[in-house]
């Protein structure tokens, strides 16, 4: 879809839609997958072994 999330529509505390700049998509459920990058600097400086991807 490659659209930015602007918000959610709700009714009685339940999500009913996902709002983007172009449209509102009807929804019964919303699942968010959010990623983070660990800050491994402290561990590396302390001499801890890091995995092959640096975490």
Foldseek 3Di string as FASTA:
>chain_A
DPFDWDDFDDDPPFTQWTDTPVDTHGDRDDDDDDDDDDDCVVVVVVVHDADPVRD
